[in-house]
Amino acid sequence: MTRQLRLPIALFLVLMVGLMTASLFLPNERLEGPPPPPLTGQIDRIVIEKSARRMQLLQGGKVVRSHGVALGFSPDGDKDRQGKDQ
């Protein structure tokens, strides 16, 4: 390897290691605070709103927890058949 290539490659490697190390200390936008307390009692009903891509857990007719769900590109309509290979 020539001397002209060693310096740019070394600088690139140092930069990449520095960026990877710095990324460990950056805040994660997905964290939204402390997790909610665990549920007590039994869940009466699970409601999935496909268009809103939301799942709600109901206990005694009241929503006790709500979660976003991923349903793919087109969540409208019923399933065609049972199983994973739709």
N, C-alpha and C. Protein backbone atom coordinates (compact mmCIF):
# COMPACT_ATOMS: atom_id res chain seq x y z
N MET A 1 0.85 -1.16 0.00
CA MET A 1 0.00 0.00 0.00
C MET A 1 0.90 1.23 0.00
N THR A 2 0.54 2.20 -0.79
CA THR A 2 1.40 3.38 -0.88
C THR A 2 1.14 4.30 0.30
N ARG A 3 2.08 5.16 0.52
CA ARG A 3 2.00 6.10 1.63
C ARG A 3 0.85 7.07 1.43
N GLN A 4 0.50 7.37 0.19
CA GLN A 4 -0.58 8.32 -0.10
C GLN A 4 -1.94 7.75 0.31
N LEU A 5 -2.08 6.45 0.31
CA LEU A 5 -3.36 5.84 0.69
C LEU A 5 -3.47 5.57 2.19
N ARG A 6 -2.36 5.44 2.87
CA ARG A 6 -2.39 5.08 4.29
C ARG A 6 -3.06 6.17 5.13
N LEU A 7 -2.73 7.41 4.91
CA LEU A 7 -3.28 8.49 5.73
C LEU A 7 -4.79 8.62 5.56
N PRO A 8 -5.35 8.67 4.35
CA PRO A 8 -6.82 8.75 4.23
C PRO A 8 -7.54 7.54 4.82
N ILE A 9 -6.97 6.35 4.65
CA ILE A 9 -7.61 5.16 5.21
C ILE A 9 -7.56 5.20 6.73
N ALA A 10 -6.44 5.60 7.30
CA ALA A 10 -6.32 5.69 8.75
C ALA A 10 -7.28 6.74 9.31
N LEU A 11 -7.40 7.89 8.65
CA LEU A 11 -8.33 8.93 9.09
C LEU A 11 -9.78 8.44 9.01
N PHE A 12 -10.10 7.72 7.95
CA PHE A 12 -11.45 7.19 7.79
C PHE A 12 -11.77 6.20 8.91
N LEU A 13 -10.84 5.31 9.22
CA LEU A 13 -11.07 4.33 10.28
C LEU A 13 -11.22 4.99 11.65
N VAL A 14 -10.40 5.99 11.93
CA VAL A 14 -10.51 6.71 13.20
C VAL A 14 -11.85 7.43 13.28
N LEU A 15 -12.28 8.03 12.18
CA LEU A 15 -13.57 8.72 12.15
C LEU A 15 -14.72 7.74 12.38
N MET A 16 -14.68 6.59 11.75
CA MET A 16 -15.75 5.60 11.91
C MET A 16 -15.81 5.07 13.34
N VAL A 17 -14.68 4.78 13.93
CA VAL A 17 -14.66 4.30 15.32
C VAL A 17 -15.19 5.39 16.24
N GLY A 18 -14.82 6.64 15.98
CA GLY A 18 -15.32 7.75 16.79
C GLY A 18 -16.82 7.91 16.67
N LEU A 19 -17.35 7.80 15.46
CA LEU A 19 -18.80 7.93 15.27
C LEU A 19 -19.56 6.78 15.92
N MET A 20 -19.02 5.57 15.81
CA MET A 20 -19.69 4.43 16.45
C MET A 20 -19.68 4.57 17.97
N THR A 21 -18.58 5.05 18.52
CA THR A 21 -18.50 5.25 19.96
C THR A 21 -19.46 6.35 20.40
N ALA A 22 -19.52 7.45 19.65
CA ALA A 22 -20.41 8.55 20.00
C ALA A 22 -21.87 8.13 19.92
N SER A 23 -22.21 7.25 18.99
CA SER A 23 -23.61 6.82 18.85
C SER A 23 -24.09 6.06 20.07
N LEU A 24 -23.19 5.48 20.83
CA LEU A 24 -23.60 4.77 22.05
C LEU A 24 -24.12 5.72 23.11
N PHE A 25 -23.70 6.99 23.07
CA PHE A 25 -24.06 7.95 24.09
C PHE A 25 -25.15 8.91 23.66
N LEU A 26 -25.62 8.81 22.42
CA LEU A 26 -26.70 9.67 21.96
C LEU A 26 -28.02 9.18 22.53
N PRO A 27 -28.96 10.11 22.79
CA PRO A 27 -30.26 9.68 23.32
C PRO A 27 -31.04 8.90 22.28
N ASN A 28 -31.80 7.95 22.75
CA ASN A 28 -32.63 7.12 21.88
C ASN A 28 -34.03 7.72 21.87
N GLU A 29 -34.52 8.15 20.70
CA GLU A 29 -35.82 8.80 20.59
C GLU A 29 -36.96 7.84 20.90
N ARG A 30 -36.73 6.55 20.80
CA ARG A 30 -37.79 5.57 21.01
C ARG A 30 -38.13 5.40 22.48
N LEU A 31 -37.23 5.80 23.37
CA LEU A 31 -37.51 5.69 24.79
C LEU A 31 -38.44 6.82 25.21
N GLU A 32 -39.54 6.49 25.85
CA GLU A 32 -40.53 7.49 26.23
C GLU A 32 -40.71 7.56 27.74
N GLY A 33 -39.70 7.34 28.49
CA GLY A 33 -39.82 7.38 29.93
C GLY A 33 -39.88 5.99 30.53
N PRO A 34 -40.22 5.95 31.81
CA PRO A 34 -40.25 4.64 32.47
C PRO A 34 -41.41 3.79 31.96
N PRO A 35 -41.25 2.48 31.99
CA PRO A 35 -42.33 1.61 31.52
C PRO A 35 -43.53 1.70 32.46
N PRO A 36 -44.73 1.46 31.95
CA PRO A 36 -45.91 1.51 32.81
C PRO A 36 -45.89 0.36 33.81
N PRO A 37 -46.60 0.54 34.92
CA PRO A 37 -46.63 -0.55 35.91
C PRO A 37 -47.32 -1.78 35.34
N PRO A 38 -47.00 -2.95 35.86
CA PRO A 38 -47.62 -4.18 35.34
C PRO A 38 -49.12 -4.18 35.60
N LEU A 39 -49.85 -4.83 34.72
CA LEU A 39 -51.30 -4.91 34.86
C LEU A 39 -51.65 -5.89 35.97
N THR A 40 -52.70 -5.56 36.70
CA THR A 40 -53.20 -6.47 37.73
C THR A 40 -54.59 -6.93 37.32
N GLY A 41 -54.95 -8.10 37.68
CA GLY A 41 -56.25 -8.62 37.30
C GLY A 41 -56.21 -9.19 35.89
N GLN A 42 -57.38 -9.54 35.40
CA GLN A 42 -57.48 -10.18 34.08
C GLN A 42 -58.03 -9.19 33.06
N ILE A 43 -57.49 -9.25 31.84
CA ILE A 43 -57.97 -8.43 30.74
C ILE A 43 -59.25 -9.06 30.21
N ASP A 44 -60.32 -8.25 30.09
CA ASP A 44 -61.60 -8.76 29.62
C ASP A 44 -61.67 -8.84 28.10
N ARG A 45 -61.05 -7.88 27.44
CA ARG A 45 -61.21 -7.79 26.00
C ARG A 45 -59.99 -7.14 25.37
N ILE A 46 -59.67 -7.58 24.15
CA ILE A 46 -58.60 -6.97 23.35
C ILE A 46 -59.24 -6.45 22.08
N VAL A 47 -59.09 -5.15 21.83
CA VAL A 47 -59.67 -4.52 20.64
C VAL A 47 -58.52 -4.06 19.75
N ILE A 48 -58.57 -4.46 18.48
CA ILE A 48 -57.56 -4.03 17.52
C ILE A 48 -58.24 -3.14 16.49
N GLU A 49 -57.78 -1.89 16.41
CA GLU A 49 -58.27 -0.95 15.41
C GLU A 49 -57.26 -0.97 14.27
N LYS A 50 -57.61 -1.66 13.19
CA LYS A 50 -56.66 -1.86 12.09
C LYS A 50 -56.30 -0.54 11.41
N SER A 51 -57.28 0.33 11.16
CA SER A 51 -56.99 1.57 10.45
C SER A 51 -56.12 2.51 11.28
N ALA A 52 -56.31 2.50 12.60
CA ALA A 52 -55.49 3.32 13.49
C ALA A 52 -54.20 2.61 13.89
N ARG A 53 -54.11 1.31 13.55
CA ARG A 53 -52.95 0.48 13.91
C ARG A 53 -52.67 0.54 15.41
N ARG A 54 -53.73 0.26 16.16
CA ARG A 54 -53.66 0.35 17.61
C ARG A 54 -54.36 -0.86 18.23
N MET A 55 -53.79 -1.36 19.33
CA MET A 55 -54.40 -2.44 20.10
C MET A 55 -54.69 -1.90 21.49
N GLN A 56 -55.92 -2.11 21.94
CA GLN A 56 -56.32 -1.64 23.26
C GLN A 56 -56.69 -2.82 24.14
N LEU A 57 -56.25 -2.77 25.39
CA LEU A 57 -56.58 -3.79 26.37
C LEU A 57 -57.63 -3.20 27.30
N LEU A 58 -58.76 -3.89 27.43
CA LEU A 58 -59.86 -3.40 28.25
C LEU A 58 -60.05 -4.27 29.48
N GLN A 59 -60.34 -3.60 30.57
CA GLN A 59 -60.57 -4.28 31.84
C GLN A 59 -61.79 -3.60 32.47
N GLY A 60 -62.88 -4.30 32.58
CA GLY A 60 -64.10 -3.72 33.13
C GLY A 60 -64.68 -2.63 32.23
N GLY A 61 -64.50 -2.74 30.93
CA GLY A 61 -65.03 -1.77 29.99
C GLY A 61 -64.18 -0.53 29.81
N LYS A 62 -63.07 -0.41 30.53
CA LYS A 62 -62.19 0.75 30.42
C LYS A 62 -60.86 0.34 29.80
N VAL A 63 -60.30 1.23 28.98
CA VAL A 63 -59.01 0.98 28.36
C VAL A 63 -57.93 1.13 29.42
N VAL A 64 -57.18 0.06 29.67
CA VAL A 64 -56.11 0.11 30.66
C VAL A 64 -54.73 0.20 30.01
N ARG A 65 -54.63 -0.15 28.75
CA ARG A 65 -53.36 -0.06 28.04
C ARG A 65 -53.64 0.04 26.57
N SER A 66 -52.83 0.81 25.85
CA SER A 66 -52.97 0.96 24.41
C SER A 66 -51.58 0.85 23.79
N HIS A 67 -51.46 0.07 22.73
CA HIS A 67 -50.18 -0.15 22.07
C HIS A 67 -50.34 0.04 20.57
N GLY A 68 -49.32 0.56 19.92
CA GLY A 68 -49.28 0.60 18.47
C GLY A 68 -48.92 -0.78 17.94
N VAL A 69 -49.50 -1.14 16.80
CA VAL A 69 -49.21 -2.44 16.19
C VAL A 69 -48.83 -2.24 14.73
N ALA A 70 -47.99 -3.12 14.22
CA ALA A 70 -47.59 -3.10 12.81
C ALA A 70 -48.38 -4.17 12.08
N LEU A 71 -49.07 -3.76 11.02
CA LEU A 71 -49.93 -4.69 10.29
C LEU A 71 -49.53 -4.84 8.83
N GLY A 72 -48.43 -4.28 8.42
CA GLY A 72 -48.02 -4.36 7.03
C GLY A 72 -48.49 -3.14 6.24
N PHE A 73 -48.40 -3.23 4.91
CA PHE A 73 -48.69 -2.09 4.05
C PHE A 73 -50.18 -1.81 3.92
N SER A 74 -51.00 -2.83 3.91
CA SER A 74 -52.43 -2.65 3.67
C SER A 74 -53.23 -3.37 4.77
N PRO A 75 -53.55 -2.69 5.87
CA PRO A 75 -54.22 -3.36 6.98
C PRO A 75 -55.73 -3.50 6.81
N ASP A 76 -56.32 -3.04 5.71
CA ASP A 76 -57.77 -3.08 5.54
C ASP A 76 -58.23 -4.46 5.09
N GLY A 77 -59.41 -4.84 5.52
CA GLY A 77 -60.01 -6.10 5.07
C GLY A 77 -59.71 -7.27 5.98
N ASP A 78 -60.44 -8.35 5.75
CA ASP A 78 -60.28 -9.57 6.53
C ASP A 78 -59.13 -10.41 5.99
N LYS A 79 -58.66 -11.35 6.82
CA LYS A 79 -57.64 -12.30 6.36
C LYS A 79 -58.26 -13.22 5.32
N ASP A 80 -57.47 -13.61 4.34
CA ASP A 80 -57.95 -14.53 3.32
C ASP A 80 -57.96 -15.97 3.82
N ARG A 81 -56.95 -16.34 4.58
CA ARG A 81 -56.85 -17.70 5.09
C ARG A 81 -55.99 -17.71 6.35
N GLN A 82 -56.04 -18.80 7.06
CA GLN A 82 -55.32 -18.92 8.31
C GLN A 82 -53.88 -19.34 8.04
N GLY A 83 -52.96 -18.87 8.87
CA GLY A 83 -51.56 -19.26 8.74
C GLY A 83 -50.68 -18.08 8.42
N LYS A 84 -49.39 -18.33 8.39
CA LYS A 84 -48.42 -17.27 8.16
C LYS A 84 -48.20 -16.98 6.68
N ASP A 85 -48.50 -17.93 5.82
CA ASP A 85 -48.20 -17.76 4.39
C ASP A 85 -49.41 -17.23 3.63
N GLN A 86 -49.84 -16.01 3.97
CA GLN A 86 -51.02 -15.44 3.33
C GLN A 86 -50.66 -14.96 1.94
